[in-house]
């Protein structure tokens, strides 16, 4: 008579699984989300080419088209003044665009897989913010190649400072994009909301005109716009324009980023 045997097991043993982190931050999960976004950005070369083409069009159309009408601003030519604004434009377009992957992941099931994994809900939010900020900063570095065309002098110090200011600005914009993506459930609505938000944020940020001597109501609008502080931060380190306000600009951007991250984490808890 045949006698069947059961595989030997060790009492109390269980299949190896990744334990849920005990802290609010899961570095390994965040790195995975960030790396996935970087690979996606690198493979979508059309996004990089589109960002460069858009920046050059705005630089030549505004900088060289309006310099005769506006003259110099605080000792800078208009193309010099508007060049940091072109970098900020790249940041806001790419930062918000990177968040659309959340909508894509929701429709195709990847978002649910991340959220049922043994990792904090902050993993997706922080990973997406860092991924969007890194992608935006990389595109801004490409735009810096064209600084000589705008008569902007680059030194190792102001390039490094510009990278830092751009990354902090991109974090704030990416956080806003993640909040929007957590709220929107389909591609069509995200595109509409993105266009509705992008242009007002950019036009009322001081990117294409100086913020001094503005009407009171318009100055108040600029103060409520997070991109205003990003434009001022990038312009300050790149040109030395109103450099004394640099710590305040960076502090406000970091505070705005923290608020957006907390809101996005709260919204992610409603996901299945």
C-alpha atoms as a PDB file:
ATOM      1  CA  UNK A   1       0.000   0.000   0.000  1.00  0.00           C
ATOM      2  CA  UNK A   2       1.321   3.377  -1.027  1.00  0.00           C
ATOM      3  CA  UNK A   3       1.817   5.830   1.705  1.00  0.00           C
ATOM      4  CA  UNK A   4       1.742   9.530   0.905  1.00  0.00           C
ATOM      5  CA  UNK A   5       3.810  11.930   2.857  1.00  0.00           C
ATOM      6  CA  UNK A   6       3.416  15.646   3.385  1.00  0.00           C
ATOM      7  CA  UNK A   7       6.354  18.013   2.910  1.00  0.00           C
ATOM      8  CA  UNK A   8       8.162  18.732   6.093  1.00  0.00           C
ATOM      9  CA  UNK A   9       7.405  22.144   7.524  1.00  0.00           C
ATOM     10  CA  UNK A  10       8.912  24.095  10.318  1.00  0.00           C
ATOM     11  CA  UNK A  11       6.373  25.043  12.962  1.00  0.00           C
ATOM     12  CA  UNK A  12       5.662  28.755  12.942  1.00  0.00           C
ATOM     13  CA  UNK A  13       7.393  29.342   9.609  1.00  0.00           C
ATOM     14  CA  UNK A  14       5.659  31.351   6.912  1.00  0.00           C
ATOM     15  CA  UNK A  15       6.542  32.347   3.365  1.00  0.00           C
ATOM     16  CA  UNK A  16       9.018  35.189   3.198  1.00  0.00           C
ATOM     17  CA  UNK A  17       7.210  38.461   2.815  1.00  0.00           C
ATOM     18  CA  UNK A  18       8.257  42.039   3.013  1.00  0.00           C
ATOM     19  CA  UNK A  19       7.305  43.344   6.428  1.00  0.00           C
ATOM     20  CA  UNK A  20       5.348  46.556   6.621  1.00  0.00           C
ATOM     21  CA  UNK A  21       7.587  49.409   7.712  1.00  0.00           C
ATOM     22  CA  UNK A  22       6.895  50.738  11.152  1.00  0.00           C
ATOM     23  CA  UNK A  23       7.538  54.329  10.183  1.00  0.00           C
ATOM     24  CA  UNK A  24       5.727  56.924   8.126  1.00  0.00           C
ATOM     25  CA  UNK A  25       8.464  56.788   5.486  1.00  0.00           C
ATOM     26  CA  UNK A  26       9.378  53.732   3.412  1.00  0.00           C
ATOM     27  CA  UNK A  27      12.654  54.627   1.594  1.00  0.00           C
ATOM     28  CA  UNK A  28      12.730  51.414  -0.431  1.00  0.00           C
ATOM     29  CA  UNK A  29       9.187  51.888  -1.744  1.00  0.00           C
ATOM     30  CA  UNK A  30       9.770  55.575  -2.458  1.00  0.00           C
ATOM     31  CA  UNK A  31      12.928  54.727  -4.412  1.00  0.00           C
ATOM     32  CA  UNK A  32      10.973  52.188  -6.478  1.00  0.00           C
ATOM     33  CA  UNK A  33       8.291  54.730  -7.396  1.00  0.00           C
ATOM     34  CA  UNK A  34      10.938  57.363  -8.182  1.00  0.00           C
ATOM     35  CA  UNK A  35      12.957  54.968 -10.340  1.00  0.00           C
ATOM     36  CA  UNK A  36       9.835  53.923 -12.253  1.00  0.00           C
ATOM     37  CA  UNK A  37       9.037  57.551 -13.065  1.00  0.00           C
ATOM     38  CA  UNK A  38      12.616  58.213 -14.166  1.00  0.00           C
ATOM     39  CA  UNK A  39      12.549  55.239 -16.536  1.00  0.00           C
ATOM     40  CA  UNK A  40       9.216  56.398 -17.934  1.00  0.00           C
ATOM     41  CA  UNK A  41      10.560  59.919 -18.483  1.00  0.00           C
ATOM     42  CA  UNK A  42      13.672  58.639 -20.237  1.00  0.00           C
ATOM     43  CA  UNK A  43      11.643  56.416 -22.550  1.00  0.00           C
ATOM     44  CA  UNK A  44       9.230  59.213 -23.473  1.00  0.00           C
ATOM     45  CA  UNK A  45      11.735  61.293 -25.430  1.00  0.00           C
ATOM     46  CA  UNK A  46       8.944  63.290 -27.034  1.00  0.00           C
ATOM     47  CA  UNK A  47       8.217  64.916 -23.656  1.00  0.00           C
ATOM     48  CA  UNK A  48      11.795  66.136 -23.376  1.00  0.00           C
ATOM     49  CA  UNK A  49      11.850  67.429 -26.938  1.00  0.00           C
ATOM     50  CA  UNK A  50       8.483  69.109 -26.478  1.00  0.00           C
ATOM     51  CA  UNK A  51       9.614  70.833 -23.282  1.00  0.00           C
ATOM     52  CA  UNK A  52      12.749  72.191 -24.963  1.00  0.00           C
ATOM     53  CA  UNK A  53      10.848  73.346 -28.045  1.00  0.00           C
ATOM     54  CA  UNK A  54       8.184  75.082 -25.943  1.00  0.00           C
ATOM     55  CA  UNK A  55      10.796  76.866 -23.845  1.00  0.00           C
ATOM     56  CA  UNK A  56      12.696  78.091 -26.900  1.00  0.00           C
ATOM     57  CA  UNK A  57       9.526  79.392 -28.541  1.00  0.00           C
ATOM     58  CA  UNK A  58       8.624  81.374 -25.410  1.00  0.00           C
ATOM     59  CA  UNK A  59      12.180  82.618 -24.975  1.00  0.00           C
ATOM     60  CA  UNK A  60      12.534  83.951 -28.505  1.00  0.00           C
ATOM     61  CA  UNK A  61       8.923  85.153 -28.813  1.00  0.00           C
ATOM     62  CA  UNK A  62       8.920  87.002 -25.491  1.00  0.00           C
ATOM     63  CA  UNK A  63      12.556  87.775 -24.821  1.00  0.00           C
ATOM     64  CA  UNK A  64      13.526  89.013 -28.236  1.00  0.00           C
ATOM     65  CA  UNK A  65      10.077  90.071 -29.377  1.00  0.00           C
ATOM     66  CA  UNK A  66       9.313  92.395 -26.457  1.00  0.00           C
ATOM     67  CA  UNK A  67      12.748  93.652 -25.449  1.00  0.00           C
ATOM     68  CA  UNK A  68      12.389  96.731 -27.648  1.00  0.00           C
ATOM     69  CA  UNK A  69       9.067  97.642 -26.042  1.00  0.00           C
ATOM     70  CA  UNK A  70       9.937  97.009 -22.380  1.00  0.00           C
ATOM     71  CA  UNK A  71      13.597  97.989 -22.279  1.00  0.00           C
ATOM     72  CA  UNK A  72      15.725  97.064 -19.268  1.00  0.00           C
ATOM     73  CA  UNK A  73      14.419  95.943 -15.876  1.00  0.00           C
ATOM     74  CA  UNK A  74      16.577  96.655 -12.818  1.00  0.00           C
ATOM     75  CA  UNK A  75      19.638  96.748 -15.043  1.00  0.00           C
ATOM     76  CA  UNK A  76      18.813  93.534 -16.909  1.00  0.00           C
ATOM     77  CA  UNK A  77      17.692  93.230 -20.511  1.00  0.00           C
ATOM     78  CA  UNK A  78      14.251  91.757 -20.983  1.00  0.00           C
ATOM     79  CA  UNK A  79      15.572  88.481 -22.418  1.00  0.00           C
ATOM     80  CA  UNK A  80      17.731  88.116 -19.293  1.00  0.00           C
ATOM     81  CA  UNK A  81      14.777  88.903 -17.059  1.00  0.00           C
ATOM     82  CA  UNK A  82      12.422  86.448 -18.769  1.00  0.00           C
ATOM     83  CA  UNK A  83      14.901  83.541 -19.016  1.00  0.00           C
ATOM     84  CA  UNK A  84      14.289  82.349 -15.403  1.00  0.00           C
ATOM     85  CA  UNK A  85      10.577  82.581 -16.183  1.00  0.00           C
ATOM     86  CA  UNK A  86      11.078  80.217 -19.109  1.00  0.00           C
ATOM     87  CA  UNK A  87      12.732  77.740 -16.726  1.00  0.00           C
ATOM     88  CA  UNK A  88       9.761  78.105 -14.368  1.00  0.00           C
ATOM     89  CA  UNK A  89       7.408  77.464 -17.289  1.00  0.00           C
ATOM     90  CA  UNK A  90       9.240  74.203 -17.994  1.00  0.00           C
ATOM     91  CA  UNK A  91       8.874  73.264 -14.336  1.00  0.00           C
ATOM     92  CA  UNK A  92       5.147  73.886 -14.105  1.00  0.00           C
ATOM     93  CA  UNK A  93       4.277  72.116 -17.356  1.00  0.00           C
ATOM     94  CA  UNK A  94       6.433  69.060 -16.701  1.00  0.00           C
ATOM     95  CA  UNK A  95       5.631  68.955 -12.970  1.00  0.00           C
ATOM     96  CA  UNK A  96       1.886  68.836 -13.517  1.00  0.00           C
ATOM     97  CA  UNK A  97       2.216  66.547 -16.526  1.00  0.00           C
ATOM     98  CA  UNK A  98       4.183  63.968 -14.545  1.00  0.00           C
ATOM     99  CA  UNK A  99       1.273  63.567 -12.138  1.00  0.00           C
ATOM    100  CA  UNK A 100      -0.982  62.290 -14.915  1.00  0.00           C
ATOM    101  CA  UNK A 101       0.695  58.905 -14.504  1.00  0.00           C
ATOM    102  CA  UNK A 102      -1.325  58.505 -11.296  1.00  0.00           C
ATOM    103  CA  UNK A 103      -4.534  58.639 -13.342  1.00  0.00           C
ATOM    104  CA  UNK A 104      -3.017  56.137 -15.778  1.00  0.00           C
ATOM    105  CA  UNK A 105      -1.955  53.822 -12.939  1.00  0.00           C
ATOM    106  CA  UNK A 106      -5.419  53.990 -11.393  1.00  0.00           C
ATOM    107  CA  UNK A 107      -7.116  52.914 -14.605  1.00  0.00           C
ATOM    108  CA  UNK A 108      -4.727  50.023 -15.250  1.00  0.00           C
ATOM    109  CA  UNK A 109      -4.527  48.692 -11.699  1.00  0.00           C
ATOM    110  CA  UNK A 110      -0.988  49.587 -10.668  1.00  0.00           C
ATOM    111  CA  UNK A 111      -2.218  52.144  -8.147  1.00  0.00           C
ATOM    112  CA  UNK A 112      -4.304  49.511  -6.369  1.00  0.00           C
ATOM    113  CA  UNK A 113      -1.311  47.169  -6.206  1.00  0.00           C
ATOM    114  CA  UNK A 114       0.784  49.867  -4.541  1.00  0.00           C
ATOM    115  CA  UNK A 115      -1.930  50.741  -2.062  1.00  0.00           C
ATOM    116  CA  UNK A 116      -2.578  47.170  -0.926  1.00  0.00           C
ATOM    117  CA  UNK A 117       1.148  46.521  -0.500  1.00  0.00           C
ATOM    118  CA  UNK A 118       2.585  46.570   3.041  1.00  0.00           C
ATOM    119  CA  UNK A 119       3.852  50.115   2.744  1.00  0.00           C
ATOM    120  CA  UNK A 120       2.573  53.459   4.065  1.00  0.00           C
ATOM    121  CA  UNK A 121       0.263  55.534   1.873  1.00  0.00           C
ATOM    122  CA  UNK A 122       2.927  58.204   1.885  1.00  0.00           C
ATOM    123  CA  UNK A 123       5.119  56.017  -0.345  1.00  0.00           C
ATOM    124  CA  UNK A 124       3.218  56.740  -3.544  1.00  0.00           C
ATOM    125  CA  UNK A 125       2.801  60.445  -2.818  1.00  0.00           C
ATOM    126  CA  UNK A 126       6.415  61.141  -1.870  1.00  0.00           C
ATOM    127  CA  UNK A 127       7.756  58.945  -4.658  1.00  0.00           C
ATOM    128  CA  UNK A 128       5.632  60.738  -7.262  1.00  0.00           C
ATOM    129  CA  UNK A 129       6.642  64.167  -5.942  1.00  0.00           C
ATOM    130  CA  UNK A 130      10.329  63.282  -6.068  1.00  0.00           C
ATOM    131  CA  UNK A 131       9.956  61.720  -9.502  1.00  0.00           C
ATOM    132  CA  UNK A 132       8.139  64.741 -10.920  1.00  0.00           C
ATOM    133  CA  UNK A 133      10.614  67.154  -9.348  1.00  0.00           C
ATOM    134  CA  UNK A 134      13.609  65.208 -10.667  1.00  0.00           C
ATOM    135  CA  UNK A 135      12.159  65.067 -14.172  1.00  0.00           C
ATOM    136  CA  UNK A 136      11.390  68.804 -14.153  1.00  0.00           C
ATOM    137  CA  UNK A 137      14.852  69.681 -12.861  1.00  0.00           C
ATOM    138  CA  UNK A 138      16.488  67.561 -15.552  1.00  0.00           C
ATOM    139  CA  UNK A 139      14.516  69.404 -18.234  1.00  0.00           C
ATOM    140  CA  UNK A 140      15.480  72.739 -16.672  1.00  0.00           C
ATOM    141  CA  UNK A 141      19.150  71.761 -16.949  1.00  0.00           C
ATOM    142  CA  UNK A 142      18.622  71.288 -20.679  1.00  0.00           C
ATOM    143  CA  UNK A 143      17.128  74.785 -20.910  1.00  0.00           C
ATOM    144  CA  UNK A 144      20.210  76.207 -19.176  1.00  0.00           C
ATOM    145  CA  UNK A 145      22.234  75.266 -22.257  1.00  0.00           C
ATOM    146  CA  UNK A 146      20.534  78.141 -24.074  1.00  0.00           C
ATOM    147  CA  UNK A 147      21.423  80.740 -21.426  1.00  0.00           C
ATOM    148  CA  UNK A 148      24.064  82.411 -23.666  1.00  0.00           C
ATOM    149  CA  UNK A 149      21.345  83.227 -26.210  1.00  0.00           C
ATOM    150  CA  UNK A 150      19.647  85.284 -23.475  1.00  0.00           C
ATOM    151  CA  UNK A 151      22.952  86.897 -22.444  1.00  0.00           C
ATOM    152  CA  UNK A 152      22.831  85.117 -19.085  1.00  0.00           C
ATOM    153  CA  UNK A 153      26.253  84.362 -17.634  1.00  0.00           C
ATOM    154  CA  UNK A 154      26.606  80.942 -16.048  1.00  0.00           C
ATOM    155  CA  UNK A 155      29.087  80.053 -13.334  1.00  0.00           C
ATOM    156  CA  UNK A 156      29.399  76.772 -11.432  1.00  0.00           C
ATOM    157  CA  UNK A 157      28.014  78.466  -8.316  1.00  0.00           C
ATOM    158  CA  UNK A 158      24.890  79.989  -9.852  1.00  0.00           C
ATOM    159  CA  UNK A 159      24.223  76.819 -11.868  1.00  0.00           C
ATOM    160  CA  UNK A 160      24.300  74.751  -8.663  1.00  0.00           C
ATOM    161  CA  UNK A 161      22.094  77.278  -6.868  1.00  0.00           C
ATOM    162  CA  UNK A 162      19.695  77.300  -9.831  1.00  0.00           C
ATOM    163  CA  UNK A 163      19.417  73.515  -9.711  1.00  0.00           C
ATOM    164  CA  UNK A 164      18.539  73.664  -5.999  1.00  0.00           C
ATOM    165  CA  UNK A 165      15.981  76.460  -6.466  1.00  0.00           C
ATOM    166  CA  UNK A 166      14.472  74.666  -9.467  1.00  0.00           C
ATOM    167  CA  UNK A 167      14.188  71.374  -7.585  1.00  0.00           C
ATOM    168  CA  UNK A 168      12.459  73.020  -4.612  1.00  0.00           C
ATOM    169  CA  UNK A 169      10.066  74.790  -6.996  1.00  0.00           C
ATOM    170  CA  UNK A 170       9.435  71.545  -8.868  1.00  0.00           C
ATOM    171  CA  UNK A 171       8.640  69.752  -5.594  1.00  0.00           C
ATOM    172  CA  UNK A 172       5.906  72.289  -4.846  1.00  0.00           C
ATOM    173  CA  UNK A 173       4.420  72.015  -8.339  1.00  0.00           C
ATOM    174  CA  UNK A 174       4.643  68.215  -8.350  1.00  0.00           C
ATOM    175  CA  UNK A 175       2.849  68.139  -4.990  1.00  0.00           C
ATOM    176  CA  UNK A 176       0.062  70.245  -6.457  1.00  0.00           C
ATOM    177  CA  UNK A 177      -0.097  67.912  -9.448  1.00  0.00           C
ATOM    178  CA  UNK A 178      -0.396  64.836  -7.216  1.00  0.00           C
ATOM    179  CA  UNK A 179      -3.286  66.430  -5.317  1.00  0.00           C
ATOM    180  CA  UNK A 180      -5.067  67.142  -8.605  1.00  0.00           C
ATOM    181  CA  UNK A 181      -4.406  63.599  -9.871  1.00  0.00           C
ATOM    182  CA  UNK A 182      -5.775  62.096  -6.647  1.00  0.00           C
ATOM    183  CA  UNK A 183      -8.973  64.067  -7.186  1.00  0.00           C
ATOM    184  CA  UNK A 184      -9.420  63.436 -10.921  1.00  0.00           C
ATOM    185  CA  UNK A 185     -10.473  59.975 -12.102  1.00  0.00           C
ATOM    186  CA  UNK A 186      -9.967  60.075 -15.900  1.00  0.00           C
ATOM    187  CA  UNK A 187      -7.578  61.477 -18.487  1.00  0.00           C
ATOM    188  CA  UNK A 188      -9.990  63.936 -20.076  1.00  0.00           C
ATOM    189  CA  UNK A 189     -10.785  65.736 -16.845  1.00  0.00           C
ATOM    190  CA  UNK A 190      -7.131  65.886 -15.853  1.00  0.00           C
ATOM    191  CA  UNK A 191      -6.190  67.596 -19.111  1.00  0.00           C
ATOM    192  CA  UNK A 192      -8.944  70.157 -18.704  1.00  0.00           C
ATOM    193  CA  UNK A 193      -8.048  70.943 -15.099  1.00  0.00           C
ATOM    194  CA  UNK A 194      -4.350  71.070 -15.919  1.00  0.00           C
ATOM    195  CA  UNK A 195      -4.861  73.645 -18.675  1.00  0.00           C
ATOM    196  CA  UNK A 196      -7.191  75.631 -16.428  1.00  0.00           C
ATOM    197  CA  UNK A 197      -4.524  75.800 -13.701  1.00  0.00           C
ATOM    198  CA  UNK A 198      -1.265  75.994 -15.649  1.00  0.00           C
ATOM    199  CA  UNK A 199      -1.705  79.230 -17.579  1.00  0.00           C
ATOM    200  CA  UNK A 200      -3.089  81.328 -14.683  1.00  0.00           C
ATOM    201  CA  UNK A 201      -0.312  80.105 -12.390  1.00  0.00           C
ATOM    202  CA  UNK A 202       2.300  80.986 -14.979  1.00  0.00           C
ATOM    203  CA  UNK A 203       0.864  84.295 -16.176  1.00  0.00           C
ATOM    204  CA  UNK A 204       0.329  85.574 -12.617  1.00  0.00           C
ATOM    205  CA  UNK A 205       3.725  84.576 -11.237  1.00  0.00           C
ATOM    206  CA  UNK A 206       5.890  87.461 -12.373  1.00  0.00           C
ATOM    207  CA  UNK A 207       7.626  85.193 -14.868  1.00  0.00           C
ATOM    208  CA  UNK A 208       7.107  87.580 -17.790  1.00  0.00           C
ATOM    209  CA  UNK A 209       6.760  90.944 -16.029  1.00  0.00           C
ATOM    210  CA  UNK A 210       8.218  92.551 -12.879  1.00  0.00           C
ATOM    211  CA  UNK A 211       6.051  92.351  -9.775  1.00  0.00           C
ATOM    212  CA  UNK A 212       6.914  95.801  -8.482  1.00  0.00           C
ATOM    213  CA  UNK A 213       4.530  98.730  -8.966  1.00  0.00           C
ATOM    214  CA  UNK A 214       1.558  96.470  -9.632  1.00  0.00           C
ATOM    215  CA  UNK A 215      -2.039  97.237  -8.578  1.00  0.00           C
ATOM    216  CA  UNK A 216      -2.836  96.038  -5.073  1.00  0.00           C
ATOM    217  CA  UNK A 217      -5.305  93.350  -6.141  1.00  0.00           C
ATOM    218  CA  UNK A 218      -2.884  91.878  -8.666  1.00  0.00           C
ATOM    219  CA  UNK A 219      -0.047  91.916  -6.155  1.00  0.00           C
ATOM    220  CA  UNK A 220      -2.272  89.964  -3.735  1.00  0.00           C
ATOM    221  CA  UNK A 221      -2.957  87.362  -6.433  1.00  0.00           C
ATOM    222  CA  UNK A 222       0.766  86.957  -7.011  1.00  0.00           C
ATOM    223  CA  UNK A 223       1.398  86.452  -3.297  1.00  0.00           C
ATOM    224  CA  UNK A 224      -1.108  83.560  -3.252  1.00  0.00           C
ATOM    225  CA  UNK A 225       0.555  81.885  -6.223  1.00  0.00           C
ATOM    226  CA  UNK A 226       3.252  79.337  -5.212  1.00  0.00           C
ATOM    227  CA  UNK A 227       4.963  79.683  -8.586  1.00  0.00           C
ATOM    228  CA  UNK A 228       5.655  83.355  -7.803  1.00  0.00           C
ATOM    229  CA  UNK A 229       8.119  82.295  -5.126  1.00  0.00           C
ATOM    230  CA  UNK A 230       9.651  79.733  -7.459  1.00  0.00           C
ATOM    231  CA  UNK A 231      10.208  82.327 -10.178  1.00  0.00           C
ATOM    232  CA  UNK A 232      11.724  84.726  -7.645  1.00  0.00           C
ATOM    233  CA  UNK A 233      13.977  81.976  -6.271  1.00  0.00           C
ATOM    234  CA  UNK A 234      15.266  80.934  -9.703  1.00  0.00           C
ATOM    235  CA  UNK A 235      15.686  84.527 -10.863  1.00  0.00           C
ATOM    236  CA  UNK A 236      17.454  85.463  -7.643  1.00  0.00           C
ATOM    237  CA  UNK A 237      20.143  82.783  -7.827  1.00  0.00           C
ATOM    238  CA  UNK A 238      20.562  82.957 -11.599  1.00  0.00           C
ATOM    239  CA  UNK A 239      20.697  86.733 -12.013  1.00  0.00           C
ATOM    240  CA  UNK A 240      21.191  88.036  -8.475  1.00  0.00           C
ATOM    241  CA  UNK A 241      17.812  89.792  -8.754  1.00  0.00           C
ATOM    242  CA  UNK A 242      16.349  90.546  -5.284  1.00  0.00           C
ATOM    243  CA  UNK A 243      18.613  87.894  -3.777  1.00  0.00           C
ATOM    244  CA  UNK A 244      17.797  89.003  -0.212  1.00  0.00           C
ATOM    245  CA  UNK A 245      14.356  87.346  -0.404  1.00  0.00           C
ATOM    246  CA  UNK A 246      15.810  83.947  -1.378  1.00  0.00           C
ATOM    247  CA  UNK A 247      15.464  82.249   2.058  1.00  0.00           C
ATOM    248  CA  UNK A 248      11.835  83.376   2.343  1.00  0.00           C
ATOM    249  CA  UNK A 249      11.016  82.116  -1.161  1.00  0.00           C
ATOM    250  CA  UNK A 250      12.496  78.680  -0.487  1.00  0.00           C
ATOM    251  CA  UNK A 251      10.828  78.425   2.935  1.00  0.00           C
ATOM    252  CA  UNK A 252       7.388  79.195   1.466  1.00  0.00           C
ATOM    253  CA  UNK A 253       7.903  76.643  -1.319  1.00  0.00           C
ATOM    254  CA  UNK A 254       8.906  73.930   1.161  1.00  0.00           C
ATOM    255  CA  UNK A 255       5.932  74.779   3.374  1.00  0.00           C
ATOM    256  CA  UNK A 256       3.574  74.596   0.386  1.00  0.00           C
ATOM    257  CA  UNK A 257       5.089  71.240  -0.589  1.00  0.00           C
ATOM    258  CA  UNK A 258       4.516  69.847   2.897  1.00  0.00           C
ATOM    259  CA  UNK A 259       0.874  70.963   2.843  1.00  0.00           C
ATOM    260  CA  UNK A 260       0.303  69.395  -0.591  1.00  0.00           C
ATOM    261  CA  UNK A 261       1.930  66.123   0.484  1.00  0.00           C
ATOM    262  CA  UNK A 262      -0.250  65.889   3.595  1.00  0.00           C
ATOM    263  CA  UNK A 263      -3.393  66.625   1.578  1.00  0.00           C
ATOM    264  CA  UNK A 264      -2.449  64.033  -1.048  1.00  0.00           C
ATOM    265  CA  UNK A 265      -1.769  61.399   1.629  1.00  0.00           C
ATOM    266  CA  UNK A 266      -5.179  62.100   3.174  1.00  0.00           C
ATOM    267  CA  UNK A 267      -6.837  61.755  -0.238  1.00  0.00           C
ATOM    268  CA  UNK A 268      -4.967  58.518  -0.968  1.00  0.00           C
ATOM    269  CA  UNK A 269      -6.554  56.901   2.091  1.00  0.00           C
ATOM    270  CA  UNK A 270      -9.907  57.053   0.308  1.00  0.00           C
ATOM    271  CA  UNK A 271      -8.590  54.893  -2.532  1.00  0.00           C
ATOM    272  CA  UNK A 272      -9.569  51.227  -2.459  1.00  0.00           C
END
